[in-house]
Protein backbone atom coordinates (compact mmCIF):
# COMPACT_ATOMS: atom_id res chain seq x y z
CA MET A 1 -15.24 17.08 -7.51
CA VAL A 2 -15.10 14.22 -9.98
CA PHE A 3 -13.87 11.01 -8.41
CA GLN A 4 -11.06 9.38 -10.37
CA PHE A 5 -9.71 5.89 -10.04
CA TYR A 6 -6.07 4.89 -10.44
CA LEU A 7 -4.41 1.51 -10.77
CA ASP A 8 -1.16 0.33 -9.27
CA GLN A 9 0.10 -2.22 -11.78
CA GLN A 10 2.91 -3.30 -9.40
CA SER A 11 0.62 -4.09 -6.46
CA GLY A 12 -0.41 -7.57 -7.54
CA VAL A 13 -3.99 -6.67 -6.57
CA ALA A 14 -6.66 -7.28 -9.20
CA ALA A 15 -7.93 -4.11 -10.90
CA TYR A 16 -11.54 -4.64 -9.82
CA VAL A 17 -10.41 -5.06 -6.19
CA GLN A 18 -8.43 -1.81 -6.39
CA ILE A 19 -11.57 -0.01 -7.63
CA VAL A 20 -13.65 -1.47 -4.78
CA GLN A 21 -10.98 -0.54 -2.23
CA GLN A 22 -10.70 3.01 -3.55
CA VAL A 23 -14.45 3.59 -3.22
CA LYS A 24 -14.45 2.16 0.30
CA HIS A 25 -11.42 4.24 1.30
CA ALA A 26 -13.04 7.38 -0.10
CA LEU A 27 -16.21 6.62 1.88
CA ARG A 28 -14.21 6.08 5.08
CA LEU A 29 -12.37 9.35 4.59
CA GLY A 30 -15.51 11.30 3.72
CA LEU A 31 -14.31 12.00 0.18
CA LEU A 32 -17.45 10.32 -1.16
CA GLN A 33 -20.89 10.86 0.33
CA PRO A 34 -24.35 9.49 -0.42
CA ASN A 35 -25.72 10.94 -3.67
CA ASP A 36 -22.23 11.50 -5.12
CA GLN A 37 -21.94 10.15 -8.63
CA LEU A 38 -19.21 7.73 -9.65
CA PRO A 39 -17.68 7.86 -13.12
CA THR A 40 -19.50 5.84 -15.77
CA VAL A 41 -18.09 2.48 -16.78
CA ARG A 42 -17.09 4.02 -20.11
CA GLU A 43 -15.25 6.88 -18.37
CA VAL A 44 -13.32 4.45 -16.13
CA VAL A 45 -12.47 2.22 -19.10
CA ASN A 46 -11.15 5.20 -21.06
CA GLN A 47 -9.23 6.60 -18.08
CA LEU A 48 -7.59 3.34 -17.00
CA ALA A 49 -7.50 1.43 -20.31
CA ILE A 50 -9.09 -1.67 -18.78
CA ASN A 51 -11.81 -4.07 -19.79
CA PRO A 52 -15.38 -2.88 -19.13
CA ASN A 53 -16.13 -6.18 -17.38
CA THR A 54 -13.51 -5.29 -14.75
CA VAL A 55 -15.34 -2.08 -13.89
CA LEU A 56 -18.72 -3.80 -14.00
CA LYS A 57 -17.44 -6.49 -11.60
CA ALA A 58 -16.24 -3.82 -9.14
CA TYR A 59 -19.50 -1.88 -9.38
CA ARG A 60 -21.54 -5.09 -8.90
CA GLU A 61 -19.57 -5.91 -5.75
CA LEU A 62 -20.10 -2.39 -4.38
CA GLU A 63 -23.79 -2.63 -5.23
CA HIS A 64 -24.01 -6.02 -3.50
CA ASP A 65 -22.45 -4.39 -0.42
CA GLY A 66 -25.19 -1.74 -0.49
CA LEU A 67 -22.77 1.10 -1.15
CA ILE A 68 -23.77 2.13 -4.67
CA ALA A 69 -26.81 1.94 -6.92
CA SER A 70 -27.10 2.24 -10.66
CA ARG A 71 -29.82 4.46 -12.03
CA PRO A 72 -30.33 3.48 -15.68
CA GLY A 73 -29.78 6.39 -18.01
CA ILE A 74 -28.54 8.60 -15.17
CA GLY A 75 -25.45 6.98 -13.63
CA THR A 76 -24.07 5.19 -10.60
CA PHE A 77 -24.41 6.85 -7.22
CA ILE A 78 -23.21 6.36 -3.67
CA VAL A 79 -26.15 5.23 -1.52
CA GLY A 80 -24.49 3.78 1.58
CA ARG A 81 -21.96 4.60 4.24
CA LEU A 82 -19.29 2.64 6.04
CA ALA A 83 -19.11 2.62 9.79
CA GLY A 84 -16.08 4.29 11.21
CA PRO A 85 -14.61 7.37 12.85
CA ASP A 86 -15.78 10.89 12.17
CA PRO A 87 -14.45 12.06 8.77
CA ALA A 88 -13.24 15.32 10.40
CA LEU A 89 -10.99 13.30 12.73
CA LEU A 90 -9.76 11.27 9.79
CA ALA A 91 -8.95 14.47 7.91
CA VAL A 92 -6.77 15.68 10.81
CA LEU A 93 -5.01 12.33 11.06
CA ASN A 94 -4.53 12.25 7.30
CA GLN A 95 -2.91 15.68 7.38
CA ARG A 96 -0.53 14.56 10.14
CA LEU A 97 0.31 11.41 8.22
CA GLN A 98 1.03 13.39 5.04
CA GLU A 99 3.37 15.62 7.04
CA TRP A 100 5.12 12.55 8.47
CA VAL A 101 5.47 11.01 5.00
CA ALA A 102 6.94 14.29 3.70
CA SER A 103 9.48 14.30 6.54
CA ALA A 104 10.35 10.65 5.85
CA GLN A 105 10.90 11.47 2.16
CA ALA A 106 13.00 14.50 3.12
CA ALA A 107 15.10 12.13 5.24
CA GLY A 108 15.77 10.09 2.11
CA LEU A 109 13.33 7.21 2.54
CA ASP A 110 11.74 5.79 -0.60
CA ALA A 111 8.14 4.59 -0.87
CA GLU A 112 9.02 0.98 -0.01
CA SER A 113 10.90 2.03 3.12
CA ILE A 114 8.01 4.22 4.22
CA GLN A 115 5.55 1.37 3.64
CA ALA A 116 7.79 -0.98 5.62
CA LEU A 117 7.84 1.47 8.54
CA MET A 118 4.07 1.88 8.40
CA PHE A 119 3.54 -1.89 8.27
CA GLU A 120 5.88 -2.43 11.22
CA ALA A 121 4.17 0.29 13.26
CA LEU A 122 0.75 -1.23 12.58
CA HIS A 123 2.01 -4.73 13.30
CA HIS A 124 3.69 -3.58 16.53
CA THR A 125 0.53 -1.83 17.71
CA HIS A 126 -1.58 -4.91 16.91
CA ARG A 127 0.81 -7.14 18.89
CA GLU A 128 0.52 -4.83 21.91
CA GLU A 129 -3.29 -4.79 21.70
CA THR A 130 -3.50 -8.58 21.65
CA ALA A 131 -0.89 -9.15 24.37
């Protein structure tokens, strides 16, 4: 599997931050593992039509965090892991969440409404945990 980045131009989040977040999310979900290769800077630039310095900045931050390492002439590879739940558990939860999102869409909710519900559920749960 070749990992591909995407950018949400409407998010207001800097492109390099989105790249960093996507790698970290993929690590948390078990989609990326140590020794997996990331796309080259040139590949990301061509795919996303962004400045090479943006990709380099994201890769430098990930390298600083100990998550990736560049091997000159070979590529950039995942070398670290993030602490968190078992990826198998996350896969089950992800499947349930996708089913819930599909049912919300079938009920006529748009992406913003679904995000609002998710935010409220997370916020509500956090309030209960801190009460």
